[in-house]
Amino acid sequence: MEKKIIQTDQAPAPIGPYNQAVAAGGFLFISGQICIKPDTGEMKNEDIQAETHQVMHNLKAVLQEAGMDFSNVVKTTIFLSDMALFSEVNEIYGKYFDGDFPARETVAVKGLPKNVNVEISMIAAG
């Protein structure tokens, strides 16, 4: 099986030993994205809405680099710092899809990188 590393400067550079995404076997596996603005490296986390939009913009950039968009997404995982944020994140997340939603799970975790409130990873099919 051949794999291809996907990298774009339109999404934040990895902050550890991983890649933004890896394409393999007709699928695109996107690493969890947080609210880092790729042009400045600063966090866009003034509120949960801004934070979630930045996460989705980062995911969109990685999808585009691979020649895909949200319609290709088959599975997502949403990590939240607190399940009380679920409805706000869910509302914004849903606006990025055209009703053909992917499979998904949402979990609350004790901590996320850089103390953010939301991180989302995706699997897309090409």
N, C-alpha and C. Protein backbone atom coordinates (compact mmCIF):
# COMPACT_ATOMS: atom_id res chain seq x y z
N MET A 1 0.85 -1.18 0.00
CA MET A 1 0.00 0.00 0.00
C MET A 1 0.89 1.25 0.00
N GLU A 2 0.57 2.14 -0.89
CA GLU A 2 1.30 3.40 -0.97
C GLU A 2 0.59 4.45 -0.14
N LYS A 3 1.36 5.28 0.54
CA LYS A 3 0.77 6.38 1.28
C LYS A 3 1.41 7.69 0.84
N LYS A 4 0.60 8.75 0.91
CA LYS A 4 1.07 10.07 0.50
C LYS A 4 0.82 11.04 1.65
N ILE A 5 1.83 11.80 2.00
CA ILE A 5 1.71 12.80 3.06
C ILE A 5 1.08 14.06 2.46
N ILE A 6 0.07 14.58 3.14
CA ILE A 6 -0.60 15.81 2.71
C ILE A 6 -0.18 16.92 3.66
N GLN A 7 0.29 18.02 3.09
CA GLN A 7 0.78 19.15 3.88
C GLN A 7 0.41 20.45 3.19
N THR A 8 -0.15 21.40 3.93
CA THR A 8 -0.47 22.71 3.37
C THR A 8 -0.14 23.79 4.39
N ASP A 9 0.29 24.94 3.90
CA ASP A 9 0.53 26.07 4.80
C ASP A 9 -0.76 26.82 5.10
N GLN A 10 -1.88 26.36 4.54
CA GLN A 10 -3.19 26.96 4.83
C GLN A 10 -3.83 26.37 6.08
N ALA A 11 -3.15 25.41 6.71
CA ALA A 11 -3.56 24.83 7.99
C ALA A 11 -2.32 24.84 8.89
N PRO A 12 -2.53 24.78 10.20
CA PRO A 12 -1.38 24.84 11.11
C PRO A 12 -0.39 23.69 10.90
N ALA A 13 0.87 24.00 11.02
CA ALA A 13 1.90 22.96 10.96
C ALA A 13 1.75 22.05 12.18
N PRO A 14 2.07 20.78 12.02
CA PRO A 14 2.01 19.87 13.18
C PRO A 14 2.88 20.36 14.33
N ILE A 15 2.40 20.12 15.54
CA ILE A 15 3.16 20.53 16.74
C ILE A 15 3.76 19.31 17.44
N GLY A 16 3.96 18.25 16.67
CA GLY A 16 4.54 17.02 17.19
C GLY A 16 4.93 16.11 16.04
N PRO A 17 5.28 14.85 16.35
CA PRO A 17 5.72 13.92 15.30
C PRO A 17 4.53 13.28 14.57
N TYR A 18 3.86 14.08 13.77
CA TYR A 18 2.74 13.59 12.96
C TYR A 18 2.60 14.51 11.76
N ASN A 19 1.75 14.13 10.82
CA ASN A 19 1.47 14.94 9.63
C ASN A 19 0.06 15.48 9.69
N GLN A 20 -0.22 16.52 8.92
CA GLN A 20 -1.58 17.05 8.85
C GLN A 20 -2.54 15.98 8.36
N ALA A 21 -2.12 15.23 7.35
CA ALA A 21 -2.96 14.15 6.83
C ALA A 21 -2.11 13.16 6.06
N VAL A 22 -2.66 11.95 5.94
CA VAL A 22 -2.03 10.90 5.15
C VAL A 22 -3.11 10.29 4.26
N ALA A 23 -2.83 10.22 2.96
CA ALA A 23 -3.72 9.55 2.01
C ALA A 23 -3.20 8.14 1.80
N ALA A 24 -4.11 7.16 1.91
CA ALA A 24 -3.74 5.76 1.71
C ALA A 24 -4.99 4.95 1.40
N GLY A 25 -4.88 4.06 0.44
CA GLY A 25 -5.96 3.15 0.14
C GLY A 25 -7.27 3.83 -0.25
N GLY A 26 -7.20 5.00 -0.87
CA GLY A 26 -8.40 5.72 -1.28
C GLY A 26 -9.02 6.56 -0.18
N PHE A 27 -8.38 6.58 0.99
CA PHE A 27 -8.87 7.36 2.12
C PHE A 27 -7.88 8.45 2.49
N LEU A 28 -8.40 9.49 3.11
CA LEU A 28 -7.58 10.57 3.65
C LEU A 28 -7.81 10.61 5.16
N PHE A 29 -6.76 10.44 5.91
CA PHE A 29 -6.82 10.45 7.37
C PHE A 29 -6.25 11.77 7.86
N ILE A 30 -7.12 12.64 8.39
CA ILE A 30 -6.69 13.98 8.81
C ILE A 30 -6.49 13.99 10.33
N SER A 31 -5.32 14.43 10.73
CA SER A 31 -5.02 14.55 12.16
C SER A 31 -5.94 15.57 12.81
N GLY A 32 -6.12 15.45 14.11
CA GLY A 32 -6.95 16.39 14.84
C GLY A 32 -6.48 17.81 14.65
N GLN A 33 -7.42 18.69 14.36
CA GLN A 33 -7.12 20.11 14.18
C GLN A 33 -7.68 20.89 15.36
N ILE A 34 -6.93 21.89 15.78
CA ILE A 34 -7.38 22.80 16.82
C ILE A 34 -7.42 24.21 16.23
N CYS A 35 -7.69 25.20 17.05
CA CYS A 35 -8.00 26.55 16.56
C CYS A 35 -6.78 27.44 16.31
N ILE A 36 -5.68 26.86 15.88
CA ILE A 36 -4.50 27.66 15.54
C ILE A 36 -4.71 28.31 14.17
N LYS A 37 -4.48 29.61 14.09
CA LYS A 37 -4.56 30.32 12.81
C LYS A 37 -3.24 30.06 12.07
N PRO A 38 -3.30 29.47 10.87
CA PRO A 38 -2.06 29.09 10.19
C PRO A 38 -1.18 30.26 9.78
N ASP A 39 -1.77 31.43 9.54
CA ASP A 39 -0.95 32.57 9.09
C ASP A 39 -0.17 33.23 10.22
N THR A 40 -0.67 33.13 11.44
CA THR A 40 0.00 33.79 12.56
C THR A 40 0.50 32.82 13.63
N GLY A 41 -0.05 31.62 13.67
CA GLY A 41 0.30 30.66 14.72
C GLY A 41 -0.42 30.95 16.04
N GLU A 42 -1.26 31.98 16.03
CA GLU A 42 -2.00 32.34 17.25
C GLU A 42 -3.28 31.53 17.36
N MET A 43 -3.78 31.43 18.58
CA MET A 43 -5.02 30.72 18.83
C MET A 43 -6.20 31.63 18.55
N LYS A 44 -7.22 31.10 17.90
CA LYS A 44 -8.46 31.85 17.69
C LYS A 44 -9.51 31.24 18.63
N ASN A 45 -9.44 31.62 19.88
CA ASN A 45 -10.28 30.99 20.89
C ASN A 45 -10.95 32.00 21.82
N GLU A 46 -11.38 33.14 21.24
CA GLU A 46 -12.06 34.13 22.07
C GLU A 46 -13.41 33.63 22.57
N ASP A 47 -14.03 32.70 21.82
CA ASP A 47 -15.25 32.02 22.28
C ASP A 47 -15.36 30.70 21.53
N ILE A 48 -16.28 29.85 21.95
CA ILE A 48 -16.37 28.51 21.36
C ILE A 48 -16.79 28.56 19.90
N GLN A 49 -17.56 29.58 19.51
CA GLN A 49 -17.96 29.69 18.10
C GLN A 49 -16.75 29.97 17.22
N ALA A 50 -15.95 30.95 17.59
CA ALA A 50 -14.75 31.29 16.83
C ALA A 50 -13.78 30.12 16.80
N GLU A 51 -13.65 29.45 17.92
CA GLU A 51 -12.74 28.31 18.02
C GLU A 51 -13.18 27.19 17.06
N THR A 52 -14.46 26.88 17.05
CA THR A 52 -14.98 25.81 16.20
C THR A 52 -14.86 26.18 14.73
N HIS A 53 -15.18 27.42 14.36
CA HIS A 53 -15.03 27.85 12.96
C HIS A 53 -13.57 27.71 12.51
N GLN A 54 -12.61 28.09 13.35
CA GLN A 54 -11.20 27.99 12.97
C GLN A 54 -10.81 26.54 12.77
N VAL A 55 -11.27 25.66 13.64
CA VAL A 55 -10.99 24.23 13.48
C VAL A 55 -11.53 23.74 12.13
N MET A 56 -12.76 24.11 11.80
CA MET A 56 -13.36 23.67 10.55
C MET A 56 -12.64 24.28 9.34
N HIS A 57 -12.18 25.52 9.44
CA HIS A 57 -11.41 26.14 8.35
C HIS A 57 -10.09 25.39 8.15
N ASN A 58 -9.46 24.99 9.24
CA ASN A 58 -8.21 24.24 9.13
C ASN A 58 -8.45 22.88 8.46
N LEU A 59 -9.52 22.21 8.85
CA LEU A 59 -9.86 20.93 8.23
C LEU A 59 -10.16 21.12 6.74
N LYS A 60 -10.89 22.16 6.40
CA LYS A 60 -11.23 22.45 5.00
C LYS A 60 -9.96 22.63 4.17
N ALA A 61 -8.97 23.34 4.72
CA ALA A 61 -7.71 23.57 4.00
C ALA A 61 -6.99 22.26 3.71
N VAL A 62 -6.98 21.36 4.67
CA VAL A 62 -6.32 20.06 4.46
C VAL A 62 -7.08 19.25 3.41
N LEU A 63 -8.40 19.25 3.51
CA LEU A 63 -9.21 18.55 2.50
C LEU A 63 -8.93 19.11 1.11
N GLN A 64 -8.90 20.42 0.98
CA GLN A 64 -8.66 21.05 -0.32
C GLN A 64 -7.28 20.69 -0.88
N GLU A 65 -6.28 20.65 -0.02
CA GLU A 65 -4.94 20.28 -0.46
C GLU A 65 -4.93 18.87 -1.07
N ALA A 66 -5.81 18.02 -0.56
CA ALA A 66 -5.92 16.65 -1.06
C ALA A 66 -6.91 16.52 -2.22
N GLY A 67 -7.47 17.66 -2.67
CA GLY A 67 -8.43 17.64 -3.76
C GLY A 67 -9.82 17.17 -3.34
N MET A 68 -10.15 17.40 -2.07
CA MET A 68 -11.43 16.97 -1.53
C MET A 68 -12.14 18.13 -0.86
N ASP A 69 -13.36 17.86 -0.38
CA ASP A 69 -14.10 18.84 0.43
C ASP A 69 -14.93 18.08 1.47
N PHE A 70 -15.78 18.78 2.18
CA PHE A 70 -16.54 18.14 3.26
C PHE A 70 -17.47 17.04 2.76
N SER A 71 -17.85 17.06 1.49
CA SER A 71 -18.70 15.99 0.96
C SER A 71 -17.98 14.66 0.89
N ASN A 72 -16.65 14.66 0.95
CA ASN A 72 -15.86 13.43 0.94
C ASN A 72 -15.69 12.82 2.32
N VAL A 73 -16.05 13.56 3.36
CA VAL A 73 -15.81 13.10 4.73
C VAL A 73 -16.78 11.97 5.09
N VAL A 74 -16.22 10.85 5.55
CA VAL A 74 -17.04 9.70 5.93
C VAL A 74 -17.09 9.47 7.44
N LYS A 75 -16.14 10.05 8.17
CA LYS A 75 -16.08 9.82 9.62
C LYS A 75 -15.37 10.98 10.29
N THR A 76 -15.92 11.44 11.41
CA THR A 76 -15.26 12.47 12.21
C THR A 76 -15.24 12.04 13.67
N THR A 77 -14.30 12.59 14.37
CA THR A 77 -14.25 12.46 15.82
C THR A 77 -14.10 13.86 16.39
N ILE A 78 -14.98 14.21 17.30
CA ILE A 78 -14.93 15.51 17.96
C ILE A 78 -14.55 15.28 19.41
N PHE A 79 -13.51 15.97 19.84
CA PHE A 79 -13.06 15.93 21.23
C PHE A 79 -13.41 17.28 21.86
N LEU A 80 -14.09 17.25 22.97
CA LEU A 80 -14.48 18.47 23.68
C LEU A 80 -13.87 18.48 25.07
N SER A 81 -13.55 19.65 25.56
CA SER A 81 -13.06 19.78 26.94
C SER A 81 -14.20 19.63 27.94
N ASP A 82 -15.44 19.86 27.48
CA ASP A 82 -16.61 19.80 28.35
C ASP A 82 -17.84 19.53 27.48
N MET A 83 -18.62 18.52 27.82
CA MET A 83 -19.81 18.19 27.04
C MET A 83 -20.84 19.31 27.05
N ALA A 84 -20.72 20.26 27.96
CA ALA A 84 -21.63 21.41 27.97
C ALA A 84 -21.47 22.25 26.70
N LEU A 85 -20.37 22.08 25.98
CA LEU A 85 -20.11 22.81 24.74
C LEU A 85 -20.73 22.12 23.52
N PHE A 86 -21.27 20.93 23.71
CA PHE A 86 -21.73 20.10 22.60
C PHE A 86 -22.68 20.83 21.65
N SER A 87 -23.73 21.44 22.16
CA SER A 87 -24.75 22.02 21.27
C SER A 87 -24.18 23.15 20.42
N GLU A 88 -23.33 24.00 21.00
CA GLU A 88 -22.75 25.10 20.23
C GLU A 88 -21.80 24.59 19.14
N VAL A 89 -20.95 23.63 19.50
CA VAL A 89 -20.02 23.06 18.53
C VAL A 89 -20.81 22.32 17.46
N ASN A 90 -21.80 21.55 17.85
CA ASN A 90 -22.60 20.76 16.92
C ASN A 90 -23.31 21.65 15.90
N GLU A 91 -23.83 22.78 16.34
CA GLU A 91 -24.53 23.70 15.45
C GLU A 91 -23.60 24.24 14.37
N ILE A 92 -22.40 24.65 14.76
CA ILE A 92 -21.44 25.20 13.80
C ILE A 92 -20.91 24.09 12.89
N TYR A 93 -20.53 22.97 13.46
CA TYR A 93 -20.03 21.82 12.70
C TYR A 93 -21.03 21.44 11.59
N GLY A 94 -22.30 21.37 11.93
CA GLY A 94 -23.33 20.96 10.98
C GLY A 94 -23.46 21.86 9.78
N LYS A 95 -23.12 23.12 9.92
CA LYS A 95 -23.23 24.09 8.83
C LYS A 95 -22.20 23.85 7.71
N TYR A 96 -21.18 23.05 7.99
CA TYR A 96 -20.14 22.80 7.00
C TYR A 96 -20.47 21.62 6.09
N PHE A 97 -21.58 20.94 6.35
CA PHE A 97 -22.00 19.80 5.54
C PHE A 97 -23.32 20.11 4.87
N ASP A 98 -23.57 19.42 3.75
CA ASP A 98 -24.80 19.65 2.98
C ASP A 98 -25.87 18.62 3.31
N GLY A 99 -25.97 18.19 4.53
CA GLY A 99 -27.01 17.25 4.93
C GLY A 99 -26.63 15.80 4.78
N ASP A 100 -25.59 15.50 4.01
CA ASP A 100 -25.10 14.13 3.87
C ASP A 100 -23.98 13.95 4.91
N PHE A 101 -24.41 13.85 6.16
CA PHE A 101 -23.45 13.89 7.27
C PHE A 101 -22.63 12.62 7.38
N PRO A 102 -21.38 12.74 7.82
CA PRO A 102 -20.54 11.55 8.05
C PRO A 102 -20.90 10.86 9.36
N ALA A 103 -20.38 9.66 9.53
CA ALA A 103 -20.46 9.00 10.84
C ALA A 103 -19.62 9.83 11.82
N ARG A 104 -19.95 9.73 13.11
CA ARG A 104 -19.24 10.59 14.06
C ARG A 104 -19.39 10.08 15.48
N GLU A 105 -18.40 10.40 16.28
CA GLU A 105 -18.55 10.30 17.72
C GLU A 105 -18.02 11.59 18.32
N THR A 106 -18.57 11.93 19.47
CA THR A 106 -18.15 13.11 20.20
C THR A 106 -17.86 12.67 21.63
N VAL A 107 -16.68 13.01 22.11
CA VAL A 107 -16.30 12.60 23.45
C VAL A 107 -15.73 13.79 24.22
N ALA A 108 -15.93 13.78 25.51
CA ALA A 108 -15.30 14.78 26.38
C ALA A 108 -14.02 14.15 26.92
N VAL A 109 -12.98 14.94 26.96
CA VAL A 109 -11.68 14.46 27.43
C VAL A 109 -11.15 15.39 28.51
N LYS A 110 -10.24 14.88 29.28
CA LYS A 110 -9.71 15.68 30.39
C LYS A 110 -8.92 16.89 29.93
N GLY A 111 -8.17 16.75 28.84
CA GLY A 111 -7.38 17.87 28.35
C GLY A 111 -7.07 17.73 26.88
N LEU A 112 -6.93 18.85 26.19
CA LEU A 112 -6.59 18.89 24.78
C LEU A 112 -5.33 19.73 24.59
N PRO A 113 -4.64 19.58 23.45
CA PRO A 113 -3.42 20.36 23.22
C PRO A 113 -3.67 21.86 23.38
N LYS A 114 -2.72 22.52 24.01
CA LYS A 114 -2.75 23.97 24.21
C LYS A 114 -4.01 24.44 24.96
N ASN A 115 -4.62 23.53 25.72
CA ASN A 115 -5.80 23.84 26.54
C ASN A 115 -6.98 24.37 25.73
N VAL A 116 -7.13 23.89 24.48
CA VAL A 116 -8.27 24.30 23.66
C VAL A 116 -9.52 23.57 24.13
N ASN A 117 -10.67 23.99 23.62
CA ASN A 117 -11.94 23.39 23.99
C ASN A 117 -12.45 22.37 22.99
N VAL A 118 -11.95 22.42 21.75
CA VAL A 118 -12.43 21.49 20.72
C VAL A 118 -11.28 21.10 19.79
N GLU A 119 -11.26 19.81 19.44
CA GLU A 119 -10.34 19.27 18.44
C GLU A 119 -11.17 18.29 17.60
N ILE A 120 -10.97 18.34 16.28
CA ILE A 120 -11.73 17.46 15.40
C ILE A 120 -10.76 16.79 14.42
N SER A 121 -10.93 15.47 14.27
CA SER A 121 -10.20 14.73 13.25
C SER A 121 -11.20 14.18 12.24
N MET A 122 -10.73 13.84 11.03
CA MET A 122 -11.63 13.37 9.97
C MET A 122 -10.99 12.26 9.17
N ILE A 123 -11.87 11.44 8.59
CA ILE A 123 -11.48 10.48 7.56
C ILE A 123 -12.35 10.79 6.35
N ALA A 124 -11.72 10.93 5.20
CA ALA A 124 -12.44 11.22 3.96
C ALA A 124 -12.11 10.14 2.94
N ALA A 125 -13.00 9.96 1.99
CA ALA A 125 -12.81 8.99 0.92
C ALA A 125 -12.84 9.71 -0.41
N GLY A 126 -11.91 9.33 -1.29
CA GLY A 126 -11.81 10.03 -2.56
C GLY A 126 -12.39 9.30 -3.72
